[in-house]
Amino acid sequence: MAVTHIAGVAITFPTNEMGHDSAPILSRVSGKYHDVVLRLGWLMGKPVMTAGIHRHDGQTQTQVTLESTEVRLMHEQTLKREIVGLMQPHYAATLQGWLDSGLYDPFTRFSDSRHRQTA
């Protein structure tokens, strides 16, 4: 396992024999309204977290690169849920809570360059 940091949050991820895994899954959750898969990626040599989101209503999918402030907030809110053990596997559930409550809606951010929607 290797470690990197996004906005001061330590992220552990598996590596292969050649170094980094292409896009390791960090956390995933399936729910009533949304499925969320968080992956680690690299943009210009820096780590970024991407969220693959599938909305059950309308069968819409999107992939968005999370801002470093969003990663930090997700970590802080996961801590507040008093998770025992590793935080990282629970990040997707925190993001799913944002989606279900309407606090985060990447499907309305069509002009956002970080956003890619597929039908």
N, C-alpha and C. Protein backbone atom coordinates (compact mmCIF):
# COMPACT_ATOMS: atom_id res chain seq x y z
N MET A 1 0.84 -1.18 0.00
CA MET A 1 0.00 0.00 0.00
C MET A 1 0.89 1.24 0.00
N ALA A 2 0.46 2.21 -0.76
CA ALA A 2 1.17 3.48 -0.81
C ALA A 2 0.28 4.55 -0.19
N VAL A 3 0.88 5.69 0.12
CA VAL A 3 0.15 6.80 0.74
C VAL A 3 0.41 8.07 -0.05
N THR A 4 -0.63 8.85 -0.26
CA THR A 4 -0.51 10.18 -0.84
C THR A 4 -1.42 11.10 -0.03
N HIS A 5 -1.38 12.39 -0.33
CA HIS A 5 -2.19 13.35 0.42
C HIS A 5 -2.96 14.26 -0.53
N ILE A 6 -4.21 14.52 -0.18
CA ILE A 6 -5.04 15.50 -0.88
C ILE A 6 -5.57 16.43 0.20
N ALA A 7 -5.22 17.69 0.12
CA ALA A 7 -5.66 18.71 1.10
C ALA A 7 -5.36 18.28 2.52
N GLY A 8 -4.21 17.66 2.72
CA GLY A 8 -3.79 17.24 4.05
C GLY A 8 -4.41 15.94 4.52
N VAL A 9 -5.24 15.33 3.71
CA VAL A 9 -5.89 14.06 4.06
C VAL A 9 -5.05 12.92 3.47
N ALA A 10 -4.61 12.01 4.33
CA ALA A 10 -3.82 10.87 3.87
C ALA A 10 -4.73 9.87 3.16
N ILE A 11 -4.33 9.48 1.96
CA ILE A 11 -5.08 8.52 1.16
C ILE A 11 -4.17 7.32 0.90
N THR A 12 -4.60 6.14 1.31
CA THR A 12 -3.83 4.92 1.02
C THR A 12 -4.42 4.26 -0.21
N PHE A 13 -3.56 3.64 -0.99
CA PHE A 13 -4.02 2.99 -2.21
C PHE A 13 -3.08 1.86 -2.58
N PRO A 14 -3.61 0.85 -3.27
CA PRO A 14 -2.77 -0.27 -3.70
C PRO A 14 -1.92 0.12 -4.90
N THR A 15 -0.79 -0.50 -5.03
CA THR A 15 0.06 -0.29 -6.20
C THR A 15 0.33 -1.64 -6.84
N ASN A 16 0.70 -1.59 -8.11
CA ASN A 16 1.10 -2.81 -8.79
C ASN A 16 2.62 -2.84 -8.86
N GLU A 17 3.16 -3.82 -9.53
CA GLU A 17 4.62 -3.96 -9.60
C GLU A 17 5.28 -2.78 -10.33
N MET A 18 4.53 -2.12 -11.19
CA MET A 18 5.07 -1.02 -11.99
C MET A 18 4.95 0.33 -11.28
N GLY A 19 4.35 0.36 -10.12
CA GLY A 19 4.16 1.63 -9.42
C GLY A 19 2.70 1.83 -9.07
N HIS A 20 2.11 2.92 -9.57
CA HIS A 20 0.71 3.24 -9.26
C HIS A 20 -0.25 2.35 -10.03
N ASP A 21 -1.34 1.99 -9.37
CA ASP A 21 -2.47 1.38 -10.06
C ASP A 21 -3.07 2.48 -10.93
N SER A 22 -3.67 2.14 -12.05
CA SER A 22 -4.16 3.17 -12.97
C SER A 22 -5.22 4.07 -12.34
N ALA A 23 -6.16 3.51 -11.63
CA ALA A 23 -7.19 4.31 -10.95
C ALA A 23 -7.81 3.45 -9.86
N PRO A 24 -7.10 3.27 -8.76
CA PRO A 24 -7.61 2.38 -7.72
C PRO A 24 -8.90 2.90 -7.09
N ILE A 25 -9.77 1.96 -6.77
CA ILE A 25 -11.01 2.30 -6.08
C ILE A 25 -10.68 2.52 -4.61
N LEU A 26 -11.09 3.67 -4.09
CA LEU A 26 -10.84 4.03 -2.70
C LEU A 26 -12.03 3.68 -1.82
N SER A 27 -13.23 3.83 -2.36
CA SER A 27 -14.43 3.62 -1.57
C SER A 27 -15.60 3.46 -2.53
N ARG A 28 -16.58 2.64 -2.14
CA ARG A 28 -17.78 2.50 -2.97
C ARG A 28 -18.96 2.17 -2.09
N VAL A 29 -20.14 2.59 -2.56
CA VAL A 29 -21.37 2.30 -1.84
C VAL A 29 -22.52 2.28 -2.84
N SER A 30 -23.46 1.38 -2.61
CA SER A 30 -24.68 1.31 -3.40
C SER A 30 -25.85 1.66 -2.49
N GLY A 31 -26.75 2.46 -3.00
CA GLY A 31 -27.88 2.88 -2.17
C GLY A 31 -29.17 2.91 -2.95
N LYS A 32 -30.20 3.38 -2.28
CA LYS A 32 -31.54 3.42 -2.88
C LYS A 32 -31.61 4.40 -4.05
N TYR A 33 -30.93 5.55 -3.93
CA TYR A 33 -31.02 6.58 -4.96
C TYR A 33 -29.76 6.73 -5.80
N HIS A 34 -28.59 6.47 -5.20
CA HIS A 34 -27.32 6.68 -5.89
C HIS A 34 -26.34 5.56 -5.57
N ASP A 35 -25.48 5.26 -6.54
CA ASP A 35 -24.30 4.43 -6.32
C ASP A 35 -23.10 5.36 -6.50
N VAL A 36 -22.11 5.22 -5.63
CA VAL A 36 -20.94 6.10 -5.68
C VAL A 36 -19.68 5.25 -5.65
N VAL A 37 -18.75 5.54 -6.55
CA VAL A 37 -17.43 4.91 -6.55
C VAL A 37 -16.39 6.03 -6.56
N LEU A 38 -15.55 6.06 -5.54
CA LEU A 38 -14.47 7.05 -5.47
C LEU A 38 -13.17 6.39 -5.91
N ARG A 39 -12.45 7.06 -6.79
CA ARG A 39 -11.18 6.55 -7.31
C ARG A 39 -10.10 7.60 -7.13
N LEU A 40 -8.88 7.12 -7.06
CA LEU A 40 -7.72 8.00 -7.01
C LEU A 40 -7.17 8.12 -8.42
N GLY A 41 -6.90 9.33 -8.84
CA GLY A 41 -6.30 9.57 -10.14
C GLY A 41 -5.15 10.54 -10.01
N TRP A 42 -4.54 10.83 -11.12
CA TRP A 42 -3.39 11.73 -11.13
C TRP A 42 -3.59 12.75 -12.24
N LEU A 43 -3.45 14.01 -11.90
CA LEU A 43 -3.59 15.10 -12.85
C LEU A 43 -2.34 15.96 -12.76
N MET A 44 -1.56 15.98 -13.82
CA MET A 44 -0.30 16.72 -13.85
C MET A 44 0.60 16.33 -12.67
N GLY A 45 0.63 15.04 -12.37
CA GLY A 45 1.50 14.52 -11.33
C GLY A 45 0.97 14.67 -9.91
N LYS A 46 -0.20 15.26 -9.76
CA LYS A 46 -0.78 15.45 -8.42
C LYS A 46 -1.98 14.52 -8.25
N PRO A 47 -2.18 14.03 -7.03
CA PRO A 47 -3.32 13.14 -6.80
C PRO A 47 -4.64 13.90 -6.80
N VAL A 48 -5.65 13.30 -7.39
CA VAL A 48 -7.01 13.84 -7.38
C VAL A 48 -7.98 12.69 -7.09
N MET A 49 -9.10 13.03 -6.50
CA MET A 49 -10.13 12.03 -6.23
C MET A 49 -11.28 12.27 -7.20
N THR A 50 -11.69 11.21 -7.88
CA THR A 50 -12.83 11.32 -8.79
C THR A 50 -13.99 10.50 -8.23
N ALA A 51 -15.18 10.97 -8.51
CA ALA A 51 -16.39 10.28 -8.07
C ALA A 51 -17.19 9.86 -9.29
N GLY A 52 -17.41 8.58 -9.41
CA GLY A 52 -18.33 8.05 -10.41
C GLY A 52 -19.68 7.89 -9.72
N ILE A 53 -20.69 8.58 -10.22
CA ILE A 53 -21.99 8.61 -9.56
C ILE A 53 -23.06 8.11 -10.53
N HIS A 54 -23.83 7.14 -10.08
CA HIS A 54 -24.94 6.62 -10.86
C HIS A 54 -26.23 6.95 -10.12
N ARG A 55 -27.08 7.73 -10.77
CA ARG A 55 -28.37 8.09 -10.17
C ARG A 55 -29.42 7.12 -10.70
N HIS A 56 -30.09 6.41 -9.81
CA HIS A 56 -31.06 5.39 -10.21
C HIS A 56 -32.25 5.99 -10.94
N ASP A 57 -32.72 7.15 -10.49
CA ASP A 57 -33.85 7.82 -11.14
C ASP A 57 -33.37 8.37 -12.48
N GLY A 58 -33.83 7.78 -13.56
CA GLY A 58 -33.41 8.21 -14.88
C GLY A 58 -32.16 7.51 -15.38
N GLN A 59 -31.56 6.67 -14.56
CA GLN A 59 -30.37 5.91 -14.96
C GLN A 59 -29.27 6.81 -15.52
N THR A 60 -29.02 7.92 -14.86
CA THR A 60 -28.01 8.88 -15.28
C THR A 60 -26.70 8.61 -14.56
N GLN A 61 -25.59 8.78 -15.29
CA GLN A 61 -24.27 8.60 -14.70
C GLN A 61 -23.43 9.84 -14.96
N THR A 62 -22.52 10.10 -14.04
CA THR A 62 -21.59 11.20 -14.22
C THR A 62 -20.29 10.86 -13.52
N GLN A 63 -19.24 11.51 -13.95
CA GLN A 63 -17.96 11.40 -13.27
C GLN A 63 -17.44 12.81 -13.05
N VAL A 64 -17.04 13.10 -11.82
CA VAL A 64 -16.59 14.44 -11.48
C VAL A 64 -15.30 14.35 -10.67
N THR A 65 -14.39 15.27 -10.90
CA THR A 65 -13.18 15.37 -10.09
C THR A 65 -13.50 16.27 -8.91
N LEU A 66 -13.30 15.74 -7.71
CA LEU A 66 -13.60 16.50 -6.51
C LEU A 66 -12.51 17.54 -6.25
N GLU A 67 -12.93 18.73 -5.85
CA GLU A 67 -11.98 19.76 -5.44
C GLU A 67 -11.30 19.31 -4.15
N SER A 68 -10.10 19.79 -3.89
CA SER A 68 -9.39 19.41 -2.67
C SER A 68 -10.19 19.81 -1.43
N THR A 69 -10.91 20.93 -1.50
CA THR A 69 -11.73 21.35 -0.36
C THR A 69 -12.89 20.37 -0.12
N GLU A 70 -13.42 19.79 -1.20
CA GLU A 70 -14.49 18.80 -1.07
C GLU A 70 -13.96 17.52 -0.43
N VAL A 71 -12.74 17.13 -0.79
CA VAL A 71 -12.12 15.95 -0.19
C VAL A 71 -11.92 16.18 1.30
N ARG A 72 -11.43 17.36 1.65
CA ARG A 72 -11.20 17.69 3.06
C ARG A 72 -12.52 17.68 3.85
N LEU A 73 -13.56 18.30 3.29
CA LEU A 73 -14.86 18.35 3.95
C LEU A 73 -15.45 16.94 4.08
N MET A 74 -15.30 16.13 3.06
CA MET A 74 -15.79 14.75 3.11
C MET A 74 -15.10 13.99 4.24
N HIS A 75 -13.79 14.18 4.38
CA HIS A 75 -13.04 13.53 5.46
C HIS A 75 -13.55 14.01 6.82
N GLU A 76 -13.71 15.31 6.98
CA GLU A 76 -14.16 15.87 8.26
C GLU A 76 -15.56 15.39 8.63
N GLN A 77 -16.45 15.33 7.65
CA GLN A 77 -17.81 14.88 7.94
C GLN A 77 -17.86 13.38 8.20
N THR A 78 -16.97 12.62 7.59
CA THR A 78 -16.88 11.19 7.88
C THR A 78 -16.41 11.00 9.31
N LEU A 79 -15.45 11.81 9.76
CA LEU A 79 -14.99 11.76 11.15
C LEU A 79 -16.14 12.04 12.12
N LYS A 80 -16.98 13.00 11.78
CA LYS A 80 -18.09 13.38 12.66
C LYS A 80 -19.13 12.26 12.79
N ARG A 81 -19.15 11.35 11.83
CA ARG A 81 -20.08 10.21 11.91
C ARG A 81 -19.57 9.16 12.89
N GLU A 82 -18.42 9.43 13.51
CA GLU A 82 -17.84 8.56 14.54
C GLU A 82 -17.62 7.13 14.03
N ILE A 83 -17.06 7.05 12.84
CA ILE A 83 -16.70 5.76 12.27
C ILE A 83 -15.53 5.19 13.07
N VAL A 84 -15.60 3.94 13.41
CA VAL A 84 -14.50 3.28 14.12
C VAL A 84 -13.64 2.58 13.08
N GLY A 85 -12.35 2.82 13.12
CA GLY A 85 -11.44 2.19 12.16
C GLY A 85 -11.07 3.14 11.04
N LEU A 86 -10.81 2.60 9.88
CA LEU A 86 -10.39 3.39 8.74
C LEU A 86 -11.52 4.27 8.22
N MET A 87 -11.21 5.52 7.91
CA MET A 87 -12.20 6.46 7.39
C MET A 87 -12.46 6.25 5.91
N GLN A 88 -11.41 5.96 5.17
CA GLN A 88 -11.46 5.96 3.71
C GLN A 88 -12.58 5.09 3.13
N PRO A 89 -12.83 3.88 3.64
CA PRO A 89 -13.92 3.08 3.07
C PRO A 89 -15.30 3.72 3.23
N HIS A 90 -15.44 4.70 4.10
CA HIS A 90 -16.73 5.33 4.37
C HIS A 90 -16.92 6.66 3.63
N TYR A 91 -15.91 7.11 2.89
CA TYR A 91 -16.03 8.38 2.17
C TYR A 91 -17.19 8.36 1.17
N ALA A 92 -17.35 7.26 0.45
CA ALA A 92 -18.43 7.20 -0.55
C ALA A 92 -19.79 7.34 0.11
N ALA A 93 -19.96 6.77 1.30
CA ALA A 93 -21.24 6.90 2.01
C ALA A 93 -21.50 8.35 2.42
N THR A 94 -20.45 9.07 2.77
CA THR A 94 -20.61 10.49 3.11
C THR A 94 -21.05 11.27 1.88
N LEU A 95 -20.40 11.03 0.74
CA LEU A 95 -20.79 11.71 -0.50
C LEU A 95 -22.20 11.30 -0.91
N GLN A 96 -22.54 10.04 -0.73
CA GLN A 96 -23.90 9.59 -1.04
C GLN A 96 -24.93 10.32 -0.17
N GLY A 97 -24.60 10.57 1.08
CA GLY A 97 -25.49 11.35 1.95
C GLY A 97 -25.69 12.76 1.43
N TRP A 98 -24.61 13.37 0.92
CA TRP A 98 -24.73 14.71 0.32
C TRP A 98 -25.68 14.67 -0.87
N LEU A 99 -25.52 13.64 -1.72
CA LEU A 99 -26.36 13.51 -2.90
C LEU A 99 -27.83 13.30 -2.53
N ASP A 100 -28.07 12.38 -1.60
CA ASP A 100 -29.44 12.06 -1.20
C ASP A 100 -30.15 13.25 -0.57
N SER A 101 -29.41 14.09 0.14
CA SER A 101 -30.02 15.25 0.81
C SER A 101 -30.06 16.49 -0.08
N GLY A 102 -29.46 16.41 -1.26
CA GLY A 102 -29.45 17.55 -2.18
C GLY A 102 -28.36 18.57 -1.91
N LEU A 103 -27.43 18.26 -1.00
CA LEU A 103 -26.34 19.19 -0.70
C LEU A 103 -25.30 19.23 -1.82
N TYR A 104 -25.24 18.18 -2.62
CA TYR A 104 -24.27 18.10 -3.71
C TYR A 104 -25.01 17.52 -4.91
N ASP A 105 -25.00 18.23 -6.03
CA ASP A 105 -25.70 17.75 -7.22
C ASP A 105 -24.85 17.99 -8.46
N PRO A 106 -23.99 17.04 -8.80
CA PRO A 106 -23.14 17.22 -9.97
C PRO A 106 -23.92 17.14 -11.28
N PHE A 107 -25.15 16.67 -11.25
CA PHE A 107 -25.93 16.53 -12.48
C PHE A 107 -26.44 17.87 -13.00
N THR A 108 -26.41 18.91 -12.19
CA THR A 108 -26.85 20.23 -12.64
C THR A 108 -25.68 21.12 -13.02
N ARG A 109 -24.47 20.60 -12.95
CA ARG A 109 -23.27 21.40 -13.22
C ARG A 109 -22.75 21.12 -14.62
N PHE A 110 -23.63 21.24 -15.63
CA PHE A 110 -23.27 20.87 -17.00
C PHE A 110 -22.15 21.71 -17.59
N SER A 111 -22.03 22.96 -17.18
CA SER A 111 -21.00 23.82 -17.75
C SER A 111 -19.65 23.63 -17.06
N ASP A 112 -19.63 22.85 -16.01
CA ASP A 112 -18.41 22.63 -15.23
C ASP A 112 -17.45 21.74 -16.02
N SER A 113 -16.23 22.19 -16.22
CA SER A 113 -15.25 21.43 -17.00
C SER A 113 -14.81 20.16 -16.28
N ARG A 114 -15.07 20.06 -14.97
CA ARG A 114 -14.69 18.86 -14.22
C ARG A 114 -15.72 17.76 -14.38
N HIS A 115 -16.79 18.03 -15.08
CA HIS A 115 -17.96 17.17 -15.11
C HIS A 115 -18.10 16.48 -16.47
N ARG A 116 -18.36 15.19 -16.45
CA ARG A 116 -18.64 14.47 -17.68
C ARG A 116 -19.87 13.61 -17.44
N GLN A 117 -20.92 13.83 -18.21
CA GLN A 117 -22.16 13.09 -18.01
C GLN A 117 -22.34 12.10 -19.15
N THR A 118 -22.83 10.92 -18.81
CA THR A 118 -23.14 9.92 -19.82
C THR A 118 -24.56 9.45 -19.59
N ALA A 119 -25.22 9.06 -20.66
CA ALA A 119 -26.62 8.59 -20.54
C ALA A 119 -26.67 7.12 -20.21
